[in-house]
Amino acid sequence: MKAYEWMVKCTPQTEWIEKKGILLWLAFFFIELGAGAYLVGALFKSTAAMMAGWLFCGVLGGGLHLLYLGRPSRFYRMFARPQTSWISRGMTFVTLFLLLGFLDIILRWTSYETVILSLATMFLAFLVVIYGGFAMCCITGIPLWNTALIPILYVVSGLWGGVGVTLAFAIAQGDEQIMSGAERWTDLFLIGFVLLLITYLISLRYGSRAAKMSVQEIIRGSGKRVFWILIVLIGLGVPIVMASFHTASIPATLLYFTIACELAGDLGMRYVILKYGFYNPLIPSSI
């Protein structure tokens, strides 16, 4: 794009996906995947999945988020405006979740689990899963993000990934009870994700000029390989095929591969949403 076309034509956002922005894309993914794994693990009473989720969220997600910052030593400023900023609220949710989650895991290991603490931590984990979607949908200048479907889509994808992580640990431990329950949840989240993604793209197709351009770039433009190969074929196609078989009849290696495909599809979905978010032009096309 030439300098004189900036904000005159539909302008792509680059801050959250190019150069160091790649770190933010990965940070959001691991933070929400980790919180989803913790929440699902807690519901299935899988301490291993909870611990993995805590590490994904705090170490991988939090570490990548700090690396993205220009001056990591000033990260505390992100907490300064919870009354107006979803980033501040999100950082508060993540911090409280990590603190209470660590305590909850320790108490579960020592058989001193408390219901109030567990419920509070699971509620915070849910807030962590959903906050990224709210942080994006409040940006009114980018129609691809400024929709109520974004938080719902991110919740479904985050919890679906969390079920996958929990299922992976259940397979490793040979826990058939968790495997059976996680299989049903996986099927439900798969259906929900497919329906939401289709609804999301169709609704934007009839939106503003920038929204139409975003969908066109994702489906037919420069993002088509990521969308059709990584998201549709690998991220959705493989799990859909595997869903037609019972988990107990599928080799463990193939189950791990299916979970990896699901997570790759989720990562790809988040990439195209960030990459192809276009700002509405400041000058109307009618002028």
C-alpha atoms as a PDB file:
ATOM      1  CA  MET A   1       0.000   0.000   0.000  1.00  0.00           C
ATOM      2  CA  LYS A   2       1.270   3.449  -0.965  1.00  0.00           C
ATOM      3  CA  ALA A   3       1.489   6.086   1.742  1.00  0.00           C
ATOM      4  CA  TYR A   4      -1.227   8.267   0.221  1.00  0.00           C
ATOM      5  CA  GLU A   5      -3.681   5.321   0.243  1.00  0.00           C
ATOM      6  CA  TRP A   6      -3.442   4.829   4.030  1.00  0.00           C
ATOM      7  CA  MET A   7      -6.957   5.001   5.527  1.00  0.00           C
ATOM      8  CA  VAL A   8      -8.314   6.213   2.171  1.00  0.00           C
ATOM      9  CA  LYS A   9      -8.738   2.635   1.028  1.00  0.00           C
ATOM     10  CA  CYS A  10      -9.449  -0.328   3.332  1.00  0.00           C
ATOM     11  CA  THR A  11      -6.228  -0.485   5.365  1.00  0.00           C
ATOM     12  CA  PRO A  12      -4.954  -3.726   6.951  1.00  0.00           C
ATOM     13  CA  GLN A  13      -3.954  -3.667  10.592  1.00  0.00           C
ATOM     14  CA  THR A  14      -0.379  -4.818  11.158  1.00  0.00           C
ATOM     15  CA  GLU A  15       0.344  -4.088  14.819  1.00  0.00           C
ATOM     16  CA  TRP A  16      -1.015  -7.401  16.119  1.00  0.00           C
ATOM     17  CA  ILE A  17       0.239  -9.794  13.454  1.00  0.00           C
ATOM     18  CA  GLU A  18       3.368  -8.558  11.656  1.00  0.00           C
ATOM     19  CA  LYS A  19       6.952  -8.480  12.964  1.00  0.00           C
ATOM     20  CA  LYS A  20       6.699  -8.581  16.783  1.00  0.00           C
ATOM     21  CA  GLY A  21       2.927  -8.811  16.417  1.00  0.00           C
ATOM     22  CA  ILE A  22       3.405 -12.529  15.709  1.00  0.00           C
ATOM     23  CA  LEU A  23       4.265 -12.878  19.400  1.00  0.00           C
ATOM     24  CA  LEU A  24       0.903 -11.388  20.361  1.00  0.00           C
ATOM     25  CA  TRP A  25      -0.936 -13.812  18.063  1.00  0.00           C
ATOM     26  CA  LEU A  26       0.819 -16.747  19.758  1.00  0.00           C
ATOM     27  CA  ALA A  27       0.363 -15.224  23.219  1.00  0.00           C
ATOM     28  CA  PHE A  28      -3.410 -14.965  22.822  1.00  0.00           C
ATOM     29  CA  PHE A  29      -3.543 -18.535  21.539  1.00  0.00           C
ATOM     30  CA  PHE A  30      -1.581 -20.069  24.425  1.00  0.00           C
ATOM     31  CA  ILE A  31      -3.265 -17.943  27.093  1.00  0.00           C
ATOM     32  CA  GLU A  32      -6.747 -18.980  25.985  1.00  0.00           C
ATOM     33  CA  LEU A  33      -5.760 -22.579  25.247  1.00  0.00           C
ATOM     34  CA  GLY A  34      -4.175 -22.839  28.697  1.00  0.00           C
ATOM     35  CA  ALA A  35      -7.190 -21.391  30.489  1.00  0.00           C
ATOM     36  CA  GLY A  36      -9.483 -23.676  28.476  1.00  0.00           C
ATOM     37  CA  ALA A  37      -7.371 -26.731  29.351  1.00  0.00           C
ATOM     38  CA  TYR A  38      -7.395 -25.750  33.024  1.00  0.00           C
ATOM     39  CA  LEU A  39     -11.180 -25.291  33.069  1.00  0.00           C
ATOM     40  CA  VAL A  40     -11.938 -28.554  31.287  1.00  0.00           C
ATOM     41  CA  GLY A  41      -9.304 -30.397  33.324  1.00  0.00           C
ATOM     42  CA  ALA A  42     -10.896 -29.138  36.534  1.00  0.00           C
ATOM     43  CA  LEU A  43     -14.335 -30.297  35.409  1.00  0.00           C
ATOM     44  CA  PHE A  44     -12.940 -33.759  34.586  1.00  0.00           C
ATOM     45  CA  LYS A  45     -10.732 -33.751  37.711  1.00  0.00           C
ATOM     46  CA  SER A  46      -7.562 -34.137  35.643  1.00  0.00           C
ATOM     47  CA  THR A  47      -4.793 -32.455  37.638  1.00  0.00           C
ATOM     48  CA  ALA A  48      -2.294 -33.140  34.848  1.00  0.00           C
ATOM     49  CA  ALA A  49      -4.413 -31.214  32.307  1.00  0.00           C
ATOM     50  CA  MET A  50      -4.888 -28.393  34.816  1.00  0.00           C
ATOM     51  CA  MET A  51      -1.143 -28.106  35.367  1.00  0.00           C
ATOM     52  CA  ALA A  52      -0.460 -28.157  31.627  1.00  0.00           C
ATOM     53  CA  GLY A  53      -3.085 -25.462  31.117  1.00  0.00           C
ATOM     54  CA  TRP A  54      -1.556 -23.324  33.862  1.00  0.00           C
ATOM     55  CA  LEU A  55       1.880 -23.620  32.224  1.00  0.00           C
ATOM     56  CA  PHE A  56       0.523 -22.859  28.746  1.00  0.00           C
ATOM     57  CA  CYS A  57      -1.214 -19.761  30.048  1.00  0.00           C
ATOM     58  CA  GLY A  58       1.399 -18.438  32.459  1.00  0.00           C
ATOM     59  CA  VAL A  59       4.711 -19.488  30.948  1.00  0.00           C
ATOM     60  CA  LEU A  60       4.095 -19.645  27.187  1.00  0.00           C
ATOM     61  CA  GLY A  61       1.277 -17.129  26.849  1.00  0.00           C
ATOM     62  CA  GLY A  62       2.503 -14.730  29.513  1.00  0.00           C
ATOM     63  CA  GLY A  63       6.123 -14.993  28.388  1.00  0.00           C
ATOM     64  CA  LEU A  64       5.257 -14.258  24.754  1.00  0.00           C
ATOM     65  CA  HIS A  65       3.096 -11.336  25.837  1.00  0.00           C
ATOM     66  CA  LEU A  66       6.026  -9.816  27.751  1.00  0.00           C
ATOM     67  CA  LEU A  67       8.349 -10.313  24.787  1.00  0.00           C
ATOM     68  CA  TYR A  68       5.873  -8.424  22.594  1.00  0.00           C
ATOM     69  CA  LEU A  69       6.014  -5.346  24.810  1.00  0.00           C
ATOM     70  CA  GLY A  70       8.457  -2.622  23.830  1.00  0.00           C
ATOM     71  CA  ARG A  71       9.505  -2.195  27.463  1.00  0.00           C
ATOM     72  CA  PRO A  72       8.593  -5.308  29.466  1.00  0.00           C
ATOM     73  CA  SER A  73       9.671  -3.599  32.706  1.00  0.00           C
ATOM     74  CA  ARG A  74       6.615  -1.360  32.378  1.00  0.00           C
ATOM     75  CA  PHE A  75       4.099  -4.196  32.003  1.00  0.00           C
ATOM     76  CA  TYR A  76       2.329  -3.067  35.186  1.00  0.00           C
ATOM     77  CA  ARG A  77       0.809  -0.184  33.229  1.00  0.00           C
ATOM     78  CA  MET A  78      -1.459  -2.675  31.472  1.00  0.00           C
ATOM     79  CA  PHE A  79      -3.376  -2.983  34.754  1.00  0.00           C
ATOM     80  CA  ALA A  80      -4.006   0.764  35.019  1.00  0.00           C
ATOM     81  CA  ARG A  81      -7.400   1.167  33.294  1.00  0.00           C
ATOM     82  CA  PRO A  82      -9.719  -1.797  34.047  1.00  0.00           C
ATOM     83  CA  GLN A  83     -12.732   0.524  33.937  1.00  0.00           C
ATOM     84  CA  THR A  84     -12.227   1.261  30.215  1.00  0.00           C
ATOM     85  CA  SER A  85      -9.741  -1.253  28.784  1.00  0.00           C
ATOM     86  CA  TRP A  86     -10.301  -4.933  28.069  1.00  0.00           C
ATOM     87  CA  ILE A  87      -6.529  -5.391  27.988  1.00  0.00           C
ATOM     88  CA  SER A  88      -6.359  -4.194  31.614  1.00  0.00           C
ATOM     89  CA  ARG A  89      -9.274  -6.422  32.576  1.00  0.00           C
ATOM     90  CA  GLY A  90      -7.673  -9.349  30.792  1.00  0.00           C
ATOM     91  CA  MET A  91      -4.357  -8.889  32.575  1.00  0.00           C
ATOM     92  CA  THR A  92      -6.220  -8.769  35.887  1.00  0.00           C
ATOM     93  CA  PHE A  93      -8.147 -11.949  35.030  1.00  0.00           C
ATOM     94  CA  VAL A  94      -4.935 -13.746  33.967  1.00  0.00           C
ATOM     95  CA  THR A  95      -2.998 -12.685  37.090  1.00  0.00           C
ATOM     96  CA  LEU A  96      -5.771 -13.737  39.492  1.00  0.00           C
ATOM     97  CA  PHE A  97      -6.272 -16.977  37.575  1.00  0.00           C
ATOM     98  CA  LEU A  98      -2.577 -17.881  37.757  1.00  0.00           C
ATOM     99  CA  LEU A  99      -2.352 -17.089  41.477  1.00  0.00           C
ATOM    100  CA  LEU A 100      -5.513 -18.932  42.521  1.00  0.00           C
ATOM    101  CA  GLY A 101      -4.932 -21.700  39.973  1.00  0.00           C
ATOM    102  CA  PHE A 102      -1.493 -22.471  41.398  1.00  0.00           C
ATOM    103  CA  LEU A 103      -2.981 -22.662  44.898  1.00  0.00           C
ATOM    104  CA  ASP A 104      -5.863 -24.834  43.680  1.00  0.00           C
ATOM    105  CA  ILE A 105      -3.481 -27.324  42.013  1.00  0.00           C
ATOM    106  CA  ILE A 106      -1.338 -27.563  45.152  1.00  0.00           C
ATOM    107  CA  LEU A 107      -4.411 -28.195  47.319  1.00  0.00           C
ATOM    108  CA  ARG A 108      -5.704 -30.858  44.937  1.00  0.00           C
ATOM    109  CA  TRP A 109      -2.358 -32.646  45.085  1.00  0.00           C
ATOM    110  CA  THR A 110      -2.439 -32.599  48.873  1.00  0.00           C
ATOM    111  CA  SER A 111      -6.115 -33.691  49.007  1.00  0.00           C
ATOM    112  CA  TYR A 112      -7.244 -30.406  50.578  1.00  0.00           C
ATOM    113  CA  GLU A 113      -9.370 -29.232  47.658  1.00  0.00           C
ATOM    114  CA  THR A 114     -11.854 -26.478  48.529  1.00  0.00           C
ATOM    115  CA  VAL A 115     -15.027 -26.052  46.502  1.00  0.00           C
ATOM    116  CA  ILE A 116     -15.084 -22.247  46.739  1.00  0.00           C
ATOM    117  CA  LEU A 117     -11.509 -21.911  45.506  1.00  0.00           C
ATOM    118  CA  SER A 118     -12.086 -24.388  42.677  1.00  0.00           C
ATOM    119  CA  LEU A 119     -15.243 -22.598  41.516  1.00  0.00           C
ATOM    120  CA  ALA A 120     -13.556 -19.188  41.699  1.00  0.00           C
ATOM    121  CA  THR A 121     -10.578 -20.428  39.689  1.00  0.00           C
ATOM    122  CA  MET A 122     -12.760 -22.042  37.045  1.00  0.00           C
ATOM    123  CA  PHE A 123     -14.760 -18.816  36.709  1.00  0.00           C
ATOM    124  CA  LEU A 124     -11.521 -16.848  36.262  1.00  0.00           C
ATOM    125  CA  ALA A 125     -10.336 -19.395  33.693  1.00  0.00           C
ATOM    126  CA  PHE A 126     -13.531 -18.794  31.713  1.00  0.00           C
ATOM    127  CA  LEU A 127     -12.972 -15.027  31.868  1.00  0.00           C
ATOM    128  CA  VAL A 128      -9.428 -15.527  30.563  1.00  0.00           C
ATOM    129  CA  VAL A 129     -10.747 -17.619  27.654  1.00  0.00           C
ATOM    130  CA  ILE A 130     -13.273 -14.978  26.653  1.00  0.00           C
ATOM    131  CA  TYR A 131     -11.398 -11.728  27.288  1.00  0.00           C
ATOM    132  CA  GLY A 132      -9.361 -11.800  24.057  1.00  0.00           C
ATOM    133  CA  GLY A 133     -12.556 -11.873  22.026  1.00  0.00           C
ATOM    134  CA  PHE A 134     -13.936  -8.875  23.908  1.00  0.00           C
ATOM    135  CA  ALA A 135     -10.634  -7.015  23.532  1.00  0.00           C
ATOM    136  CA  MET A 136     -10.997  -7.406  19.758  1.00  0.00           C
ATOM    137  CA  CYS A 137     -14.724  -6.863  19.302  1.00  0.00           C
ATOM    138  CA  CYS A 138     -14.599  -3.460  21.024  1.00  0.00           C
ATOM    139  CA  ILE A 139     -12.347  -2.137  18.218  1.00  0.00           C
ATOM    140  CA  THR A 140     -15.044  -0.496  16.103  1.00  0.00           C
ATOM    141  CA  GLY A 141     -12.769   0.488  13.211  1.00  0.00           C
ATOM    142  CA  ILE A 142     -12.168  -3.145  12.121  1.00  0.00           C
ATOM    143  CA  PRO A 143     -15.474  -4.810  11.098  1.00  0.00           C
ATOM    144  CA  LEU A 144     -13.919  -8.298  11.029  1.00  0.00           C
ATOM    145  CA  TRP A 145     -13.397  -7.955  14.785  1.00  0.00           C
ATOM    146  CA  ASN A 146     -16.274  -5.675  15.722  1.00  0.00           C
ATOM    147  CA  THR A 147     -18.916  -8.388  16.044  1.00  0.00           C
ATOM    148  CA  ALA A 148     -20.495 -10.152  19.013  1.00  0.00           C
ATOM    149  CA  LEU A 149     -19.651 -13.500  17.396  1.00  0.00           C
ATOM    150  CA  ILE A 150     -15.908 -13.067  18.035  1.00  0.00           C
ATOM    151  CA  PRO A 151     -16.031 -13.672  21.832  1.00  0.00           C
ATOM    152  CA  ILE A 152     -18.342 -16.664  21.313  1.00  0.00           C
ATOM    153  CA  LEU A 153     -16.103 -18.104  18.594  1.00  0.00           C
ATOM    154  CA  TYR A 154     -13.034 -17.691  20.810  1.00  0.00           C
ATOM    155  CA  VAL A 155     -14.756 -19.322  23.790  1.00  0.00           C
ATOM    156  CA  VAL A 156     -15.781 -22.341  21.716  1.00  0.00           C
ATOM    157  CA  SER A 157     -12.313 -22.687  20.147  1.00  0.00           C
ATOM    158  CA  GLY A 158     -10.557 -22.205  23.507  1.00  0.00           C
ATOM    159  CA  LEU A 159     -12.685 -24.805  25.272  1.00  0.00           C
ATOM    160  CA  TRP A 160     -12.445 -27.181  22.318  1.00  0.00           C
ATOM    161  CA  GLY A 161      -8.668 -26.935  22.547  1.00  0.00           C
ATOM    162  CA  GLY A 162      -8.929 -27.460  26.300  1.00  0.00           C
ATOM    163  CA  VAL A 163     -10.901 -30.661  25.755  1.00  0.00           C
ATOM    164  CA  GLY A 164      -8.196 -31.805  23.331  1.00  0.00           C
ATOM    165  CA  VAL A 165      -5.422 -31.226  25.883  1.00  0.00           C
ATOM    166  CA  THR A 166      -7.430 -33.040  28.571  1.00  0.00           C
ATOM    167  CA  LEU A 167      -8.099 -35.925  26.193  1.00  0.00           C
ATOM    168  CA  ALA A 168      -4.389 -36.178  25.380  1.00  0.00           C
ATOM    169  CA  PHE A 169      -3.516 -36.639  29.061  1.00  0.00           C
ATOM    170  CA  ALA A 170      -6.386 -39.103  29.527  1.00  0.00           C
ATOM    171  CA  ILE A 171      -4.995 -41.199  26.632  1.00  0.00           C
ATOM    172  CA  ALA A 172      -1.505 -41.120  28.140  1.00  0.00           C
ATOM    173  CA  GLN A 173      -2.849 -42.190  31.543  1.00  0.00           C
ATOM    174  CA  GLY A 174      -5.308 -44.743  30.144  1.00  0.00           C
ATOM    175  CA  ASP A 175      -8.262 -43.072  31.888  1.00  0.00           C
ATOM    176  CA  GLU A 176     -11.241 -44.447  29.935  1.00  0.00           C
ATOM    177  CA  GLN A 177     -13.803 -42.476  31.952  1.00  0.00           C
ATOM    178  CA  ILE A 178     -12.289 -39.117  30.977  1.00  0.00           C
ATOM    179  CA  MET A 179     -11.737 -40.343  27.414  1.00  0.00           C
ATOM    180  CA  SER A 180     -15.422 -41.206  27.068  1.00  0.00           C
ATOM    181  CA  GLY A 181     -16.588 -37.866  28.460  1.00  0.00           C
ATOM    182  CA  ALA A 182     -14.052 -35.841  26.478  1.00  0.00           C
ATOM    183  CA  GLU A 183     -15.108 -37.612  23.279  1.00  0.00           C
ATOM    184  CA  ARG A 184     -18.690 -36.369  23.673  1.00  0.00           C
ATOM    185  CA  TRP A 185     -17.505 -32.842  24.464  1.00  0.00           C
ATOM    186  CA  THR A 186     -15.185 -32.855  21.460  1.00  0.00           C
ATOM    187  CA  ASP A 187     -18.058 -33.714  19.127  1.00  0.00           C
ATOM    188  CA  LEU A 188     -20.243 -30.939  20.566  1.00  0.00           C
ATOM    189  CA  PHE A 189     -17.529 -28.279  20.337  1.00  0.00           C
ATOM    190  CA  LEU A 190     -16.630 -29.408  16.814  1.00  0.00           C
ATOM    191  CA  ILE A 191     -20.233 -28.910  15.664  1.00  0.00           C
ATOM    192  CA  GLY A 192     -20.449 -25.575  17.487  1.00  0.00           C
ATOM    193  CA  PHE A 193     -17.184 -24.333  15.998  1.00  0.00           C
ATOM    194  CA  VAL A 194     -18.190 -25.233  12.422  1.00  0.00           C
ATOM    195  CA  LEU A 195     -21.601 -23.553  12.742  1.00  0.00           C
ATOM    196  CA  LEU A 196     -20.138 -20.437  14.349  1.00  0.00           C
ATOM    197  CA  LEU A 197     -17.366 -20.076  11.780  1.00  0.00           C
ATOM    198  CA  ILE A 198     -19.821 -20.365   8.879  1.00  0.00           C
ATOM    199  CA  THR A 199     -22.235 -17.894  10.504  1.00  0.00           C
ATOM    200  CA  TYR A 200     -19.400 -15.489  11.266  1.00  0.00           C
ATOM    201  CA  LEU A 201     -18.086 -15.404   7.690  1.00  0.00           C
ATOM    202  CA  ILE A 202     -21.525 -15.207   6.058  1.00  0.00           C
ATOM    203  CA  SER A 203     -22.666 -12.354   8.320  1.00  0.00           C
ATOM    204  CA  LEU A 204     -19.531 -10.359   7.493  1.00  0.00           C
ATOM    205  CA  ARG A 205     -19.955 -11.008   3.779  1.00  0.00           C
ATOM    206  CA  TYR A 206     -23.005  -8.733   3.893  1.00  0.00           C
ATOM    207  CA  GLY A 207     -21.365  -6.078   6.054  1.00  0.00           C
ATOM    208  CA  SER A 208     -19.287  -3.010   5.264  1.00  0.00           C
ATOM    209  CA  ARG A 209     -16.750  -2.696   2.446  1.00  0.00           C
ATOM    210  CA  ALA A 210     -13.873  -3.545   4.799  1.00  0.00           C
ATOM    211  CA  ALA A 211     -15.726  -6.606   6.120  1.00  0.00           C
ATOM    212  CA  LYS A 212     -16.356  -7.873   2.586  1.00  0.00           C
ATOM    213  CA  MET A 213     -12.698  -7.365   1.701  1.00  0.00           C
ATOM    214  CA  SER A 214     -11.606  -9.295   4.808  1.00  0.00           C
ATOM    215  CA  VAL A 215     -13.791 -12.281   3.942  1.00  0.00           C
ATOM    216  CA  GLN A 216     -12.677 -12.164   0.306  1.00  0.00           C
ATOM    217  CA  GLU A 217      -8.998 -12.151   1.311  1.00  0.00           C
ATOM    218  CA  ILE A 218      -9.531 -15.058   3.708  1.00  0.00           C
ATOM    219  CA  ILE A 219     -11.516 -17.263   1.331  1.00  0.00           C
ATOM    220  CA  ARG A 220     -10.267 -16.320  -2.145  1.00  0.00           C
ATOM    221  CA  GLY A 221      -7.286 -14.013  -1.647  1.00  0.00           C
ATOM    222  CA  SER A 222      -3.882 -14.333  -0.046  1.00  0.00           C
ATOM    223  CA  GLY A 223      -5.296 -16.149   2.990  1.00  0.00           C
ATOM    224  CA  LYS A 224      -6.988 -18.934   1.037  1.00  0.00           C
ATOM    225  CA  ARG A 225      -4.197 -21.492   1.601  1.00  0.00           C
ATOM    226  CA  VAL A 226      -4.310 -21.032   5.358  1.00  0.00           C
ATOM    227  CA  PHE A 227      -8.108 -21.116   5.359  1.00  0.00           C
ATOM    228  CA  TRP A 228      -8.777 -24.057   3.053  1.00  0.00           C
ATOM    229  CA  ILE A 229      -5.736 -26.214   3.859  1.00  0.00           C
ATOM    230  CA  LEU A 230      -4.909 -25.487   7.507  1.00  0.00           C
ATOM    231  CA  ILE A 231      -8.326 -24.566   8.897  1.00  0.00           C
ATOM    232  CA  VAL A 232     -10.847 -26.477   6.751  1.00  0.00           C
ATOM    233  CA  LEU A 233      -8.917 -29.534   5.556  1.00  0.00           C
ATOM    234  CA  ILE A 234      -6.599 -30.147   8.526  1.00  0.00           C
ATOM    235  CA  GLY A 235      -8.238 -28.350  11.465  1.00  0.00           C
ATOM    236  CA  LEU A 236     -11.820 -29.428  10.692  1.00  0.00           C
ATOM    237  CA  GLY A 237     -11.592 -32.210   8.105  1.00  0.00           C
ATOM    238  CA  VAL A 238      -9.420 -34.574  10.148  1.00  0.00           C
ATOM    239  CA  PRO A 239     -11.462 -34.205  13.403  1.00  0.00           C
ATOM    240  CA  ILE A 240     -14.731 -34.654  11.455  1.00  0.00           C
ATOM    241  CA  VAL A 241     -13.470 -37.903   9.935  1.00  0.00           C
ATOM    242  CA  MET A 242     -12.193 -39.141  13.309  1.00  0.00           C
ATOM    243  CA  ALA A 243     -15.510 -38.220  14.982  1.00  0.00           C
ATOM    244  CA  SER A 244     -17.176 -40.999  12.978  1.00  0.00           C
ATOM    245  CA  PHE A 245     -15.144 -43.570  14.931  1.00  0.00           C
ATOM    246  CA  HIS A 246     -15.257 -44.424  18.628  1.00  0.00           C
ATOM    247  CA  THR A 247     -12.228 -43.164  20.539  1.00  0.00           C
ATOM    248  CA  ALA A 248     -11.459 -46.619  21.961  1.00  0.00           C
ATOM    249  CA  SER A 249     -11.098 -48.046  18.438  1.00  0.00           C
ATOM    250  CA  ILE A 250      -8.600 -45.408  17.275  1.00  0.00           C
ATOM    251  CA  PRO A 251      -4.848 -45.912  17.908  1.00  0.00           C
ATOM    252  CA  ALA A 252      -3.375 -43.465  20.426  1.00  0.00           C
ATOM    253  CA  THR A 253      -0.942 -42.057  17.859  1.00  0.00           C
ATOM    254  CA  LEU A 254      -3.815 -41.181  15.526  1.00  0.00           C
ATOM    255  CA  LEU A 255      -5.725 -39.544  18.396  1.00  0.00           C
ATOM    256  CA  TYR A 256      -2.722 -37.375  19.239  1.00  0.00           C
ATOM    257  CA  PHE A 257      -2.454 -36.450  15.554  1.00  0.00           C
ATOM    258  CA  THR A 258      -6.148 -35.486  15.481  1.00  0.00           C
ATOM    259  CA  ILE A 259      -5.725 -33.264  18.546  1.00  0.00           C
ATOM    260  CA  ALA A 260      -2.679 -31.618  16.937  1.00  0.00           C
ATOM    261  CA  CYS A 261      -4.718 -30.968  13.753  1.00  0.00           C
ATOM    262  CA  GLU A 262      -7.498 -29.413  15.801  1.00  0.00           C
ATOM    263  CA  LEU A 263      -5.069 -27.074  17.586  1.00  0.00           C
ATOM    264  CA  ALA A 264      -3.384 -26.182  14.273  1.00  0.00           C
ATOM    265  CA  GLY A 265      -6.776 -25.255  12.824  1.00  0.00           C
ATOM    266  CA  ASP A 266      -7.532 -23.068  15.842  1.00  0.00           C
ATOM    267  CA  LEU A 267      -4.167 -21.345  15.486  1.00  0.00           C
ATOM    268  CA  GLY A 268      -4.804 -20.804  11.775  1.00  0.00           C
ATOM    269  CA  MET A 269      -8.259 -19.373  12.438  1.00  0.00           C
ATOM    270  CA  ARG A 270      -6.834 -16.829  14.855  1.00  0.00           C
ATOM    271  CA  TYR A 271      -4.117 -15.953  12.350  1.00  0.00           C
ATOM    272  CA  VAL A 272      -6.457 -15.091   9.477  1.00  0.00           C
ATOM    273  CA  ILE A 273      -8.743 -13.085  11.776  1.00  0.00           C
ATOM    274  CA  LEU A 274      -5.794 -10.977  12.906  1.00  0.00           C
ATOM    275  CA  LYS A 275      -4.034 -10.851   9.542  1.00  0.00           C
ATOM    276  CA  TYR A 276      -7.014  -9.823   7.428  1.00  0.00           C
ATOM    277  CA  GLY A 277      -8.639  -7.317   9.735  1.00  0.00           C
ATOM    278  CA  PHE A 278      -9.079  -4.173   7.633  1.00  0.00           C
ATOM    279  CA  TYR A 279      -9.852  -0.697   8.947  1.00  0.00           C
ATOM    280  CA  ASN A 280     -12.852   1.050   7.413  1.00  0.00           C
ATOM    281  CA  PRO A 281     -11.664   3.989   5.267  1.00  0.00           C
ATOM    282  CA  LEU A 282     -11.819   7.390   6.948  1.00  0.00           C
ATOM    283  CA  ILE A 283     -13.067   8.886   3.673  1.00  0.00           C
ATOM    284  CA  PRO A 284     -16.399   7.384   2.510  1.00  0.00           C
ATOM    285  CA  SER A 285     -16.376   5.765  -0.913  1.00  0.00           C
ATOM    286  CA  SER A 286     -19.246   8.023  -2.024  1.00  0.00           C
ATOM    287  CA  ILE A 287     -17.011  11.114  -1.950  1.00  0.00           C
END
